[in-house]
């Protein structure tokens, strides 16, 4: 698989019983996770809310996004929309 950058709308996420929310506006549902398919590090993931506030979320490491994308590509590839990515899939 070649390196891909993707965005995924996420359900409400919690870590240690604390809801992950936008630090500016407080939105906690439908946050967008920005995924790098080759980044399996513990570096914080980038997230953004509907108001386009973007931040690095230390409670959601990049490896989790990469693992999520790999799982969806294997189990439900039809659910992925690559039309926004130059060159498609």
PDB file of N, CA and C in Angstrom:
ATOM      1  N   UNK A   1       0.847  -1.180   0.000  1.00  0.00           N
ATOM      2  CA  UNK A   1       0.000   0.000   0.000  1.00  0.00           C
ATOM      3  C   UNK A   1       0.888   1.237   0.000  1.00  0.00           C
ATOM      4  N   UNK A   2       0.625   2.154  -0.905  1.00  0.00           N
ATOM      5  CA  UNK A   2       1.398   3.397  -0.913  1.00  0.00           C
ATOM      6  C   UNK A   2       0.868   4.328   0.173  1.00  0.00           C
ATOM      7  N   UNK A   3       1.694   5.261   0.566  1.00  0.00           N
ATOM      8  CA  UNK A   3       1.315   6.204   1.612  1.00  0.00           C
ATOM      9  C   UNK A   3       0.108   7.015   1.173  1.00  0.00           C
ATOM     10  N   UNK A   4      -0.872   7.133   2.084  1.00  0.00           N
ATOM     11  CA  UNK A   4      -2.079   7.900   1.802  1.00  0.00           C
ATOM     12  C   UNK A   4      -2.372   8.807   2.987  1.00  0.00           C
ATOM     13  N   UNK A   5      -2.862   9.971   2.696  1.00  0.00           N
ATOM     14  CA  UNK A   5      -3.369  10.877   3.715  1.00  0.00           C
ATOM     15  C   UNK A   5      -4.884  10.867   3.550  1.00  0.00           C
ATOM     16  N   UNK A   6      -5.580  10.615   4.631  1.00  0.00           N
ATOM     17  CA  UNK A   6      -7.035  10.509   4.571  1.00  0.00           C
ATOM     18  C   UNK A   6      -7.661  11.273   5.732  1.00  0.00           C
ATOM     19  N   UNK A   7      -8.940  11.546   5.592  1.00  0.00           N
ATOM     20  CA  UNK A   7      -9.714  12.145   6.668  1.00  0.00           C
ATOM     21  C   UNK A   7     -10.871  11.210   6.968  1.00  0.00           C
ATOM     22  N   UNK A   8     -11.170  11.043   8.250  1.00  0.00           N
ATOM     23  CA  UNK A   8     -12.280  10.190   8.655  1.00  0.00           C
ATOM     24  C   UNK A   8     -13.099  10.903   9.720  1.00  0.00           C
ATOM     25  N   UNK A   9     -14.419  10.922   9.520  1.00  0.00           N
ATOM     26  CA  UNK A   9     -15.289  11.479  10.555  1.00  0.00           C
ATOM     27  C   UNK A   9     -15.442  10.428  11.640  1.00  0.00           C
ATOM     28  N   UNK A  10     -15.188  10.840  12.862  1.00  0.00           N
ATOM     29  CA  UNK A  10     -15.166   9.904  13.979  1.00  0.00           C
ATOM     30  C   UNK A  10     -16.387  10.090  14.881  1.00  0.00           C
ATOM     31  N   UNK A  11     -16.810   8.990  15.521  1.00  0.00           N
ATOM     32  CA  UNK A  11     -17.847   9.124  16.546  1.00  0.00           C
ATOM     33  C   UNK A  11     -17.229   9.788  17.776  1.00  0.00           C
ATOM     34  N   UNK A  12     -18.020   9.999  18.804  1.00  0.00           N
ATOM     35  CA  UNK A  12     -17.479  10.551  20.047  1.00  0.00           C
ATOM     36  C   UNK A  12     -16.378   9.616  20.545  1.00  0.00           C
ATOM     37  N   UNK A  13     -15.211  10.182  20.833  1.00  0.00           N
ATOM     38  CA  UNK A  13     -14.058   9.413  21.298  1.00  0.00           C
ATOM     39  C   UNK A  13     -13.779   9.743  22.757  1.00  0.00           C
ATOM     40  N   UNK A  14     -13.428   8.722  23.521  1.00  0.00           N
ATOM     41  CA  UNK A  14     -13.031   8.950  24.910  1.00  0.00           C
ATOM     42  C   UNK A  14     -11.697   8.284  25.169  1.00  0.00           C
ATOM     43  N   UNK A  15     -10.965   8.836  26.083  1.00  0.00           N
ATOM     44  CA  UNK A  15      -9.688   8.253  26.510  1.00  0.00           C
ATOM     45  C   UNK A  15      -9.630   8.416  28.017  1.00  0.00           C
ATOM     46  N   UNK A  16      -9.534   7.306  28.723  1.00  0.00           N
ATOM     47  CA  UNK A  16      -9.507   7.360  30.175  1.00  0.00           C
ATOM     48  C   UNK A  16     -10.771   7.954  30.763  1.00  0.00           C
ATOM     49  N   UNK A  17     -11.906   7.732  30.090  1.00  0.00           N
ATOM     50  CA  UNK A  17     -13.177   8.246  30.568  1.00  0.00           C
ATOM     51  C   UNK A  17     -13.425   9.717  30.275  1.00  0.00           C
ATOM     52  N   UNK A  18     -12.489  10.365  29.579  1.00  0.00           N
ATOM     53  CA  UNK A  18     -12.628  11.784  29.243  1.00  0.00           C
ATOM     54  C   UNK A  18     -12.901  11.905  27.742  1.00  0.00           C
ATOM     55  N   UNK A  19     -13.941  12.652  27.392  1.00  0.00           N
ATOM     56  CA  UNK A  19     -14.309  12.840  25.987  1.00  0.00           C
ATOM     57  C   UNK A  19     -13.277  13.731  25.297  1.00  0.00           C
ATOM     58  N   UNK A  20     -12.871  13.323  24.095  1.00  0.00           N
ATOM     59  CA  UNK A  20     -11.978  14.147  23.279  1.00  0.00           C
ATOM     60  C   UNK A  20     -12.841  15.184  22.570  1.00  0.00           C
ATOM     61  N   UNK A  21     -12.501  16.447  22.744  1.00  0.00           N
ATOM     62  CA  UNK A  21     -13.288  17.545  22.174  1.00  0.00           C
ATOM     63  C   UNK A  21     -12.364  18.636  21.656  1.00  0.00           C
ATOM     64  N   UNK A  22     -12.904  19.458  20.760  1.00  0.00           N
ATOM     65  CA  UNK A  22     -12.154  20.601  20.249  1.00  0.00           C
ATOM     66  C   UNK A  22     -11.795  21.516  21.416  1.00  0.00           C
ATOM     67  N   UNK A  23     -10.524  21.875  21.549  1.00  0.00           N
ATOM     68  CA  UNK A  23     -10.120  22.739  22.657  1.00  0.00           C
ATOM     69  C   UNK A  23     -10.609  24.184  22.523  1.00  0.00           C
ATOM     70  N   UNK A  24     -11.116  24.558  21.347  1.00  0.00           N
ATOM     71  CA  UNK A  24     -11.594  25.928  21.137  1.00  0.00           C
ATOM     72  C   UNK A  24     -13.104  26.024  21.348  1.00  0.00           C
ATOM     73  N   UNK A  25     -13.865  25.180  20.637  1.00  0.00           N
ATOM     74  CA  UNK A  25     -15.328  25.300  20.681  1.00  0.00           C
ATOM     75  C   UNK A  25     -16.022  24.195  21.466  1.00  0.00           C
ATOM     76  N   UNK A  26     -15.306  23.127  21.788  1.00  0.00           N
ATOM     77  CA  UNK A  26     -15.883  22.052  22.587  1.00  0.00           C
ATOM     78  C   UNK A  26     -16.618  20.977  21.812  1.00  0.00           C
ATOM     79  N   UNK A  27     -16.665  21.053  20.477  1.00  0.00           N
ATOM     80  CA  UNK A  27     -17.338  20.013  19.694  1.00  0.00           C
ATOM     81  C   UNK A  27     -16.698  18.671  20.015  1.00  0.00           C
ATOM     82  N   UNK A  28     -17.557  17.652  20.252  1.00  0.00           N
ATOM     83  CA  UNK A  28     -17.018  16.335  20.584  1.00  0.00           C
ATOM     84  C   UNK A  28     -17.565  15.211  19.710  1.00  0.00           C
ATOM     85  N   UNK A  29     -18.487  15.513  18.816  1.00  0.00           N
ATOM     86  CA  UNK A  29     -18.993  14.481  17.913  1.00  0.00           C
ATOM     87  C   UNK A  29     -18.724  14.888  16.474  1.00  0.00           C
ATOM     88  N   UNK A  30     -18.471  13.902  15.636  1.00  0.00           N
ATOM     89  CA  UNK A  30     -18.207  14.196  14.236  1.00  0.00           C
ATOM     90  C   UNK A  30     -16.889  14.894  13.980  1.00  0.00           C
ATOM     91  N   UNK A  31     -15.933  14.739  14.890  1.00  0.00           N
ATOM     92  CA  UNK A  31     -14.605  15.324  14.659  1.00  0.00           C
ATOM     93  C   UNK A  31     -13.941  14.614  13.490  1.00  0.00           C
ATOM     94  N   UNK A  32     -13.120  15.325  12.759  1.00  0.00           N
ATOM     95  CA  UNK A  32     -12.400  14.746  11.631  1.00  0.00           C
ATOM     96  C   UNK A  32     -10.995  14.383  12.072  1.00  0.00           C
ATOM     97  N   UNK A  33     -10.644  13.120  11.866  1.00  0.00           N
ATOM     98  CA  UNK A  33      -9.306  12.618  12.159  1.00  0.00           C
ATOM     99  C   UNK A  33      -8.511  12.636  10.865  1.00  0.00           C
ATOM    100  N   UNK A  34      -7.334  13.230  10.890  1.00  0.00           N
ATOM    101  CA  UNK A  34      -6.463  13.264   9.714  1.00  0.00           C
ATOM    102  C   UNK A  34      -5.474  12.114   9.862  1.00  0.00           C
ATOM    103  N   UNK A  35      -5.474  11.215   8.871  1.00  0.00           N
ATOM    104  CA  UNK A  35      -4.730   9.958   8.961  1.00  0.00           C
ATOM    105  C   UNK A  35      -3.618   9.909   7.928  1.00  0.00           C
ATOM    106  N   UNK A  36      -2.432   9.502   8.365  1.00  0.00           N
ATOM    107  CA  UNK A  36      -1.310   9.177   7.477  1.00  0.00           C
ATOM    108  C   UNK A  36      -1.167   7.664   7.543  1.00  0.00           C
ATOM    109  N   UNK A  37      -1.421   6.983   6.434  1.00  0.00           N
ATOM    110  CA  UNK A  37      -1.460   5.520   6.434  1.00  0.00           C
ATOM    111  C   UNK A  37      -0.143   4.865   6.824  1.00  0.00           C
ATOM    112  N   UNK A  38       0.967   5.574   6.729  1.00  0.00           N
ATOM    113  CA  UNK A  38       2.273   4.995   7.061  1.00  0.00           C
ATOM    114  C   UNK A  38       2.809   5.427   8.417  1.00  0.00           C
ATOM    115  N   UNK A  39       2.050   6.197   9.168  1.00  0.00           N
ATOM    116  CA  UNK A  39       2.553   6.733  10.438  1.00  0.00           C
ATOM    117  C   UNK A  39       2.001   5.934  11.613  1.00  0.00           C
ATOM    118  N   UNK A  40       2.813   4.991  12.098  1.00  0.00           N
ATOM    119  CA  UNK A  40       2.432   4.148  13.225  1.00  0.00           C
ATOM    120  C   UNK A  40       3.134   4.592  14.505  1.00  0.00           C
ATOM    121  N   UNK A  41       3.369   5.891  14.634  1.00  0.00           N
ATOM    122  CA  UNK A  41       4.083   6.420  15.797  1.00  0.00           C
ATOM    123  C   UNK A  41       3.098   6.806  16.907  1.00  0.00           C
ATOM    124  N   UNK A  42       3.663   7.157  18.034  1.00  0.00           N
ATOM    125  CA  UNK A  42       2.873   7.626  19.175  1.00  0.00           C
ATOM    126  C   UNK A  42       2.675   9.146  19.140  1.00  0.00           C
ATOM    127  N   UNK A  43       3.092   9.781  18.055  1.00  0.00           N
ATOM    128  CA  UNK A  43       2.922  11.222  17.881  1.00  0.00           C
ATOM    129  C   UNK A  43       1.428  11.552  17.875  1.00  0.00           C
ATOM    130  N   UNK A  44       1.013  12.666  18.496  1.00  0.00           N
ATOM    131  CA  UNK A  44      -0.406  13.030  18.497  1.00  0.00           C
ATOM    132  C   UNK A  44      -0.975  13.179  17.082  1.00  0.00           C
ATOM    133  N   UNK A  45      -2.201  12.699  16.907  1.00  0.00           N
ATOM    134  CA  UNK A  45      -2.909  12.849  15.633  1.00  0.00           C
ATOM    135  C   UNK A  45      -3.437  14.267  15.493  1.00  0.00           C
ATOM    136  N   UNK A  46      -3.583  14.694  14.254  1.00  0.00           N
ATOM    137  CA  UNK A  46      -4.246  15.965  13.997  1.00  0.00           C
ATOM    138  C   UNK A  46      -5.736  15.707  13.852  1.00  0.00           C
ATOM    139  N   UNK A  47      -6.520  16.581  14.471  1.00  0.00           N
ATOM    140  CA  UNK A  47      -7.972  16.506  14.393  1.00  0.00           C
ATOM    141  C   UNK A  47      -8.490  17.897  14.060  1.00  0.00           C
ATOM    142  N   UNK A  48      -9.721  17.937  13.531  1.00  0.00           N
ATOM    143  CA  UNK A  48     -10.363  19.234  13.309  1.00  0.00           C
ATOM    144  C   UNK A  48     -11.860  19.083  13.521  1.00  0.00           C
ATOM    145  N   UNK A  49     -12.472  20.206  13.872  1.00  0.00           N
ATOM    146  CA  UNK A  49     -13.913  20.230  14.107  1.00  0.00           C
ATOM    147  C   UNK A  49     -14.606  20.867  12.901  1.00  0.00           C
ATOM    148  N   UNK A  50     -15.922  20.971  12.982  1.00  0.00           N
ATOM    149  CA  UNK A  50     -16.696  21.552  11.878  1.00  0.00           C
ATOM    150  C   UNK A  50     -16.398  23.032  11.651  1.00  0.00           C
ATOM    151  N   UNK A  51     -15.870  23.711  12.673  1.00  0.00           N
ATOM    152  CA  UNK A  51     -15.503  25.121  12.529  1.00  0.00           C
ATOM    153  C   UNK A  51     -14.070  25.296  12.035  1.00  0.00           C
ATOM    154  N   UNK A  52     -13.445  24.197  11.608  1.00  0.00           N
ATOM    155  CA  UNK A  52     -12.072  24.172  11.067  1.00  0.00           C
ATOM    156  C   UNK A  52     -10.995  24.497  12.092  1.00  0.00           C
ATOM    157  N   UNK A  53     -11.312  24.366  13.380  1.00  0.00           N
ATOM    158  CA  UNK A  53     -10.247  24.442  14.385  1.00  0.00           C
ATOM    159  C   UNK A  53      -9.452  23.147  14.260  1.00  0.00           C
ATOM    160  N   UNK A  54      -8.148  23.238  14.234  1.00  0.00           N
ATOM    161  CA  UNK A  54      -7.297  22.055  14.074  1.00  0.00           C
ATOM    162  C   UNK A  54      -6.303  22.014  15.221  1.00  0.00           C
ATOM    163  N   UNK A  55      -6.046  20.816  15.733  1.00  0.00           N
ATOM    164  CA  UNK A  55      -5.112  20.661  16.846  1.00  0.00           C
ATOM    165  C   UNK A  55      -4.492  19.269  16.821  1.00  0.00           C
ATOM    166  N   UNK A  56      -3.382  19.134  17.524  1.00  0.00           N
ATOM    167  CA  UNK A  56      -2.722  17.839  17.713  1.00  0.00           C
ATOM    168  C   UNK A  56      -3.294  17.241  18.995  1.00  0.00           C
ATOM    169  N   UNK A  57      -3.913  16.068  18.881  1.00  0.00           N
ATOM    170  CA  UNK A  57      -4.587  15.439  20.016  1.00  0.00           C
ATOM    171  C   UNK A  57      -3.698  14.351  20.627  1.00  0.00           C
ATOM    172  N   UNK A  58      -3.080  14.644  21.786  1.00  0.00           N
ATOM    173  CA  UNK A  58      -2.140  13.696  22.392  1.00  0.00           C
ATOM    174  C   UNK A  58      -2.790  12.407  22.890  1.00  0.00           C
ATOM    175  N   UNK A  59      -4.100  12.404  23.087  1.00  0.00           N
ATOM    176  CA  UNK A  59      -4.775  11.187  23.567  1.00  0.00           C
ATOM    177  C   UNK A  59      -5.135  10.233  22.437  1.00  0.00           C
ATOM    178  N   UNK A  60      -4.832  10.612  21.184  1.00  0.00           N
ATOM    179  CA  UNK A  60      -5.132   9.759  20.032  1.00  0.00           C
ATOM    180  C   UNK A  60      -3.894   9.705  19.145  1.00  0.00           C
ATOM    181  N   UNK A  61      -2.965   8.755  19.411  1.00  0.00           N
ATOM    182  CA  UNK A  61      -1.724   8.688  18.632  1.00  0.00           C
ATOM    183  C   UNK A  61      -1.976   8.333  17.167  1.00  0.00           C
ATOM    184  N   UNK A  62      -1.067   8.766  16.323  1.00  0.00           N
ATOM    185  CA  UNK A  62      -1.198   8.553  14.874  1.00  0.00           C
ATOM    186  C   UNK A  62      -1.305   7.079  14.509  1.00  0.00           C
ATOM    187  N   UNK A  63      -0.682   6.201  15.283  1.00  0.00           N
ATOM    188  CA  UNK A  63      -0.753   4.770  14.970  1.00  0.00           C
ATOM    189  C   UNK A  63      -2.194   4.274  14.981  1.00  0.00           C
ATOM    190  N   UNK A  64      -3.032   4.851  15.840  1.00  0.00           N
ATOM    191  CA  UNK A  64      -4.430   4.415  15.908  1.00  0.00           C
ATOM    192  C   UNK A  64      -5.173   4.752  14.621  1.00  0.00           C
ATOM    193  N   UNK A  65      -4.902   5.908  14.046  1.00  0.00           N
ATOM    194  CA  UNK A  65      -5.516   6.267  12.773  1.00  0.00           C
ATOM    195  C   UNK A  65      -5.037   5.366  11.649  1.00  0.00           C
ATOM    196  N   UNK A  66      -3.735   5.081  11.622  1.00  0.00           N
ATOM    197  CA  UNK A  66      -3.173   4.209  10.583  1.00  0.00           C
ATOM    198  C   UNK A  66      -3.740   2.795  10.705  1.00  0.00           C
ATOM    199  N   UNK A  67      -3.877   2.300  11.936  1.00  0.00           N
ATOM    200  CA  UNK A  67      -4.445   0.968  12.150  1.00  0.00           C
ATOM    201  C   UNK A  67      -5.917   0.935  11.739  1.00  0.00           C
ATOM    202  N   UNK A  68      -6.650   1.996  12.065  1.00  0.00           N
ATOM    203  CA  UNK A  68      -8.062   2.096  11.688  1.00  0.00           C
ATOM    204  C   UNK A  68      -8.211   2.063  10.168  1.00  0.00           C
ATOM    205  N   UNK A  69      -7.415   2.861   9.465  1.00  0.00           N
ATOM    206  CA  UNK A  69      -7.490   2.913   8.009  1.00  0.00           C
ATOM    207  C   UNK A  69      -7.145   1.557   7.391  1.00  0.00           C
ATOM    208  N   UNK A  70      -6.104   0.901   7.897  1.00  0.00           N
ATOM    209  CA  UNK A  70      -5.713  -0.415   7.376  1.00  0.00           C
ATOM    210  C   UNK A  70      -6.838  -1.432   7.577  1.00  0.00           C
ATOM    211  N   UNK A  71      -7.492  -1.391   8.721  1.00  0.00           N
ATOM    212  CA  UNK A  71      -8.592  -2.314   9.004  1.00  0.00           C
ATOM    213  C   UNK A  71      -9.765  -2.074   8.059  1.00  0.00           C
ATOM    214  N   UNK A  72     -10.129  -0.819   7.853  1.00  0.00           N
ATOM    215  CA  UNK A  72     -11.248  -0.501   6.964  1.00  0.00           C
ATOM    216  C   UNK A  72     -10.909  -0.883   5.523  1.00  0.00           C
ATOM    217  N   UNK A  73      -9.669  -0.648   5.103  1.00  0.00           N
ATOM    218  CA  UNK A  73      -9.273  -1.029   3.733  1.00  0.00           C
ATOM    219  C   UNK A  73      -9.404  -2.531   3.518  1.00  0.00           C
ATOM    220  N   UNK A  74      -9.145  -3.326   4.548  1.00  0.00           N
ATOM    221  CA  UNK A  74      -9.232  -4.793   4.424  1.00  0.00           C
ATOM    222  C   UNK A  74     -10.659  -5.302   4.536  1.00  0.00           C
ATOM    223  N   UNK A  75     -11.441  -4.721   5.444  1.00  0.00           N
ATOM    224  CA  UNK A  75     -12.754  -5.278   5.742  1.00  0.00           C
ATOM    225  C   UNK A  75     -13.922  -4.592   5.046  1.00  0.00           C
ATOM    226  N   UNK A  76     -13.805  -3.300   4.756  1.00  0.00           N
ATOM    227  CA  UNK A  76     -14.902  -2.555   4.137  1.00  0.00           C
ATOM    228  C   UNK A  76     -14.385  -1.543   3.130  1.00  0.00           C
ATOM    229  N   UNK A  77     -13.619  -1.971   2.139  1.00  0.00           N
ATOM    230  CA  UNK A  77     -13.033  -1.014   1.195  1.00  0.00           C
ATOM    231  C   UNK A  77     -14.081  -0.194   0.446  1.00  0.00           C
ATOM    232  N   UNK A  78     -15.272  -0.744   0.277  1.00  0.00           N
ATOM    233  CA  UNK A  78     -16.324  -0.012  -0.436  1.00  0.00           C
ATOM    234  C   UNK A  78     -16.795   1.219   0.335  1.00  0.00           C
ATOM    235  N   UNK A  79     -16.488   1.278   1.629  1.00  0.00           N
ATOM    236  CA  UNK A  79     -16.925   2.422   2.437  1.00  0.00           C
ATOM    237  C   UNK A  79     -15.984   3.617   2.321  1.00  0.00           C
ATOM    238  N   UNK A  80     -14.853   3.429   1.669  1.00  0.00           N
ATOM    239  CA  UNK A  80     -13.869   4.504   1.533  1.00  0.00           C
ATOM    240  C   UNK A  80     -14.101   5.290   0.247  1.00  0.00           C
ATOM    241  N   UNK A  81     -13.993   6.593   0.346  1.00  0.00           N
ATOM    242  CA  UNK A  81     -14.139   7.474  -0.814  1.00  0.00           C
ATOM    243  C   UNK A  81     -12.791   8.146  -1.057  1.00  0.00           C
ATOM    244  N   UNK A  82     -12.098   7.729  -2.123  1.00  0.00           N
ATOM    245  CA  UNK A  82     -10.777   8.273  -2.442  1.00  0.00           C
ATOM    246  C   UNK A  82     -10.870   9.365  -3.497  1.00  0.00           C
ATOM    247  N   UNK A  83     -12.085   9.812  -3.842  1.00  0.00           N
ATOM    248  CA  UNK A  83     -12.248  10.764  -4.940  1.00  0.00           C
ATOM    249  C   UNK A  83     -11.560  12.100  -4.685  1.00  0.00           C
ATOM    250  N   UNK A  84     -11.365  12.460  -3.439  1.00  0.00           N
ATOM    251  CA  UNK A  84     -10.729  13.744  -3.130  1.00  0.00           C
ATOM    252  C   UNK A  84      -9.214  13.673  -3.192  1.00  0.00           C
ATOM    253  N   UNK A  85      -8.677  12.460  -3.321  1.00  0.00           N
ATOM    254  CA  UNK A  85      -7.227  12.287  -3.352  1.00  0.00           C
ATOM    255  C   UNK A  85      -6.759  12.271  -4.797  1.00  0.00           C
ATOM    256  N   UNK A  86      -5.772  13.077  -5.092  1.00  0.00           N
ATOM    257  CA  UNK A  86      -5.235  13.151  -6.448  1.00  0.00           C
ATOM    258  C   UNK A  86      -4.789  11.774  -6.911  1.00  0.00           C
ATOM    259  N   UNK A  87      -5.267  11.336  -8.034  1.00  0.00           N
ATOM    260  CA  UNK A  87      -4.889  10.038  -8.575  1.00  0.00           C
ATOM    261  C   UNK A  87      -5.800   8.916  -8.135  1.00  0.00           C
ATOM    262  N   UNK A  88      -6.645   9.145  -7.124  1.00  0.00           N
ATOM    263  CA  UNK A  88      -7.581   8.123  -6.664  1.00  0.00           C
ATOM    264  C   UNK A  88      -6.893   6.911  -6.105  1.00  0.00           C
ATOM    265  N   UNK A  89      -7.601   5.797  -6.091  1.00  0.00           N
ATOM    266  CA  UNK A  89      -7.059   4.536  -5.573  1.00  0.00           C
ATOM    267  C   UNK A  89      -7.223   3.443  -6.596  1.00  0.00           C
TER     268      UNK A  89
END
